Amino acid sequence: MKVKHHHVALATAAAAFGLDIPLGVEYGRAEHIGIWHGIYCALATAVTAGGDVNPVNTEGYVLMTLVCVTVVPLFGATFSLFTSALSSVHVRPLHRLLRDQDESQP
C-alpha cells in the first residue's frame, strides 16, 4: 500500500494539534493566564512566532520545552509535507513528459 503525502501531512498536523492544545491548556493553568491565552502562547510558539507570556515557573518552562521539542518539529514537518506534495503534483507530469520525449527519440 502506497502512503500518500497528504495523508501523512494530515496525520502529522493532527499530532501537532493533538499535543499543542493540551500543552497550551496546561501552560495557561501553570502560568495563571487562562486556558485560551495558554493555547495561543503554545500555538504561537509552535509556529515559531513566540507567545507573549514567557514562563515564570518550573512547570511553565517544562511545558514550553515540551512544545518546542515536540510540536514545533511536527508543525515544520507538516508544512514540509504539504509543500513537497504540491511540488510533486507539478513536477511529476513534467517528468513524464520528458521521459516520453526521451523514449520517442531514436
Protein backbone atom coordinates (compact mmCIF):
# COMPACT_ATOMS: atom_id res chain seq x y z
CA MET A 1 0.00 0.00 0.00
CA LYS A 2 1.42 3.37 -1.04
CA VAL A 3 1.22 6.13 1.54
CA LYS A 4 0.21 9.49 0.12
CA HIS A 5 1.88 12.73 1.17
CA HIS A 6 -1.34 14.45 2.11
CA HIS A 7 -2.35 11.59 4.42
CA VAL A 8 0.98 11.81 6.22
CA ALA A 9 0.71 15.61 6.37
CA LEU A 10 -2.79 15.43 7.83
CA ALA A 11 -1.72 12.85 10.41
CA THR A 12 1.28 14.99 11.34
CA ALA A 13 -0.91 18.10 11.66
CA ALA A 14 -3.36 16.15 13.83
CA ALA A 15 -0.48 15.03 16.06
CA ALA A 16 0.81 18.60 16.30
CA PHE A 17 -2.58 20.00 17.32
CA GLY A 18 -3.22 16.96 19.50
CA LEU A 19 -0.12 17.79 21.51
CA ASP A 20 -0.25 21.58 21.28
CA ILE A 21 -3.75 22.11 22.62
CA PRO A 22 -3.39 20.08 25.85
CA LEU A 23 0.08 21.55 26.43
CA GLY A 24 -1.36 25.04 25.89
CA VAL A 25 -4.20 24.36 28.33
CA GLU A 26 -1.71 23.19 30.94
CA TYR A 27 0.58 26.15 30.22
CA GLY A 28 -2.31 28.56 30.76
CA ARG A 29 -3.11 26.83 34.04
CA ALA A 30 0.53 26.74 35.19
CA GLU A 31 1.18 30.39 34.39
CA HIS A 32 -2.27 31.60 35.60
CA ILE A 33 -3.08 33.30 32.28
CA GLY A 34 -6.24 31.44 31.28
CA ILE A 35 -6.81 28.45 29.04
CA TRP A 36 -7.29 30.32 25.74
CA HIS A 37 -4.28 32.53 26.34
CA GLY A 38 -2.22 29.43 27.14
CA ILE A 39 -3.35 27.76 23.91
CA TYR A 40 -2.48 30.93 22.00
CA CYS A 41 1.01 31.03 23.54
CA ALA A 42 1.64 27.35 22.77
CA LEU A 43 0.41 27.74 19.19
CA ALA A 44 2.40 30.94 18.66
CA THR A 45 5.50 29.16 19.95
CA ALA A 46 4.78 26.13 17.76
CA VAL A 47 4.74 28.23 14.60
CA THR A 48 7.90 30.00 15.84
CA ALA A 49 6.28 33.41 16.29
CA GLY A 50 6.60 33.07 20.05
CA GLY A 51 3.98 33.59 22.71
CA ASP A 52 3.52 36.85 24.57
CA VAL A 53 3.85 35.26 28.03
CA ASN A 54 7.23 33.91 28.98
CA PRO A 55 7.36 31.11 31.52
CA VAL A 56 7.99 32.26 35.08
CA ASN A 57 7.91 28.96 36.97
CA THR A 58 9.37 25.49 36.55
CA GLU A 59 6.12 23.94 35.31
CA GLY A 60 5.77 26.64 32.64
CA TYR A 61 9.33 26.09 31.47
CA VAL A 62 8.80 22.33 31.27
CA LEU A 63 5.57 22.74 29.29
CA MET A 64 7.07 25.23 26.81
CA THR A 65 10.09 22.96 26.44
CA LEU A 66 7.73 20.12 25.51
CA VAL A 67 6.05 22.39 22.96
CA CYS A 68 9.43 23.30 21.49
CA VAL A 69 10.79 19.76 21.20
CA THR A 70 7.59 18.04 20.05
CA VAL A 71 5.11 20.42 18.49
CA VAL A 72 7.49 22.80 16.69
CA PRO A 73 9.10 19.97 14.66
CA LEU A 74 5.66 18.49 13.93
CA PHE A 75 4.41 21.81 12.52
CA GLY A 76 7.60 22.12 10.47
CA ALA A 77 7.13 18.60 9.14
CA THR A 78 3.51 19.34 8.28
CA PHE A 79 4.44 22.38 6.19
CA SER A 80 7.24 20.41 4.55
CA LEU A 81 4.93 17.54 3.64
CA PHE A 82 2.31 19.87 2.18
CA THR A 83 4.84 21.77 0.08
CA SER A 84 6.54 18.61 -1.17
CA ALA A 85 3.15 17.20 -2.14
CA LEU A 86 2.33 20.38 -4.05
CA SER A 87 5.71 20.27 -5.77
CA SER A 88 5.27 16.65 -6.79
CA VAL A 89 1.90 17.46 -8.34
CA HIS A 90 3.65 19.88 -10.68
CA VAL A 91 6.94 18.03 -11.21
CA ARG A 92 5.55 14.54 -11.86
CA PRO A 93 3.73 15.49 -15.13
CA LEU A 94 6.83 17.29 -16.40
CA HIS A 95 8.96 14.28 -15.56
CA ARG A 96 6.59 12.02 -17.51
CA LEU A 97 6.65 14.39 -20.47
CA LEU A 98 10.46 14.45 -20.56
CA ARG A 99 10.65 10.66 -20.18
CA ASP A 100 8.18 10.16 -23.02
CA GLN A 101 10.15 12.54 -25.22
CA ASP A 102 13.38 10.65 -24.50
CA GLU A 103 11.77 7.31 -25.30
CA SER A 104 10.33 8.58 -28.58
CA GLN A 105 13.69 9.83 -29.92
CA PRO A 106 15.91 7.37 -31.84
